[in-house]
Amino acid sequence: MKLFSKKSIIFYSILGAITALIIAPLIRSLIDYSVTTEILITTAIIIPMYAVITRLFKKYL
């Protein structure tokens, strides 16, 4: 999958929207730390999730 192809842009846009609207707020609501710590923990979960999802869907895109 090429990084700037039409499919890639659509895929990452949808994945980003799901992450921003559902996953990140859910993670932040489960933890009660300072904003900086919450962002670091959330990022540590979301970046590996992107890598795993990209590898899983590489066959289909």
Protein backbone atom coordinates (compact mmCIF):
# COMPACT_ATOMS: atom_id res chain seq x y z
CA MET A 1 0.00 0.00 0.00
CA LYS A 2 1.54 3.29 -1.09
CA LEU A 3 1.49 6.03 1.53
CA PHE A 4 -0.13 8.70 -0.64
CA SER A 5 -2.48 6.52 -2.66
CA LYS A 6 -6.23 7.17 -2.57
CA LYS A 7 -6.92 3.97 -0.61
CA SER A 8 -4.20 4.77 1.92
CA ILE A 9 -5.46 8.30 2.55
CA ILE A 10 -9.04 7.07 3.01
CA PHE A 11 -7.89 4.20 5.28
CA TYR A 12 -5.83 6.43 7.56
CA SER A 13 -8.53 9.11 7.64
CA ILE A 14 -11.13 6.60 8.82
CA LEU A 15 -8.70 5.06 11.30
CA GLY A 16 -7.78 8.51 12.63
CA ALA A 17 -11.42 9.49 13.04
CA ILE A 18 -12.21 6.29 14.94
CA THR A 19 -9.16 6.84 17.13
CA ALA A 20 -9.90 10.50 17.85
CA LEU A 21 -13.62 10.08 18.50
CA ILE A 22 -13.83 6.68 20.22
CA ILE A 23 -10.56 5.09 21.34
CA ALA A 24 -8.59 8.05 22.74
CA PRO A 25 -11.47 9.44 24.86
CA LEU A 26 -12.18 5.93 26.16
CA ILE A 27 -8.56 5.41 27.23
CA ARG A 28 -8.39 8.87 28.82
CA SER A 29 -11.63 8.27 30.76
CA LEU A 30 -10.21 5.05 32.23
CA ILE A 31 -7.13 6.75 33.68
CA ASP A 32 -6.95 9.71 36.05
CA TYR A 33 -3.53 11.32 35.65
CA SER A 34 -2.27 14.72 34.55
CA VAL A 35 -2.95 15.69 30.94
CA THR A 36 0.69 15.14 29.90
CA THR A 37 0.77 11.63 31.37
CA GLU A 38 -2.59 10.76 29.81
CA ILE A 39 -1.38 11.87 26.38
CA LEU A 40 1.82 9.82 26.71
CA ILE A 41 -0.08 6.69 27.79
CA THR A 42 -2.72 7.14 25.08
CA THR A 43 -0.02 7.61 22.43
CA ALA A 44 1.82 4.52 23.65
CA ILE A 45 -1.35 2.51 22.97
CA ILE A 46 -2.50 4.14 19.72
CA ILE A 47 0.77 4.08 17.73
CA PRO A 48 1.28 0.29 18.10
CA MET A 49 -2.42 -0.17 17.30
CA TYR A 50 -1.88 1.63 13.97
CA ALA A 51 1.06 -0.67 13.18
CA VAL A 52 -0.93 -3.83 13.94
CA ILE A 53 -4.02 -2.72 12.01
CA THR A 54 -1.92 -1.69 9.01
CA ARG A 55 -0.26 -5.12 8.90
CA LEU A 56 -3.61 -6.90 9.23
CA PHE A 57 -5.31 -4.89 6.48
CA LYS A 58 -2.30 -4.83 4.11
CA LYS A 59 -3.66 -7.99 2.47
CA TYR A 60 -7.00 -6.38 1.73
CA LEU A 61 -5.92 -2.92 0.56
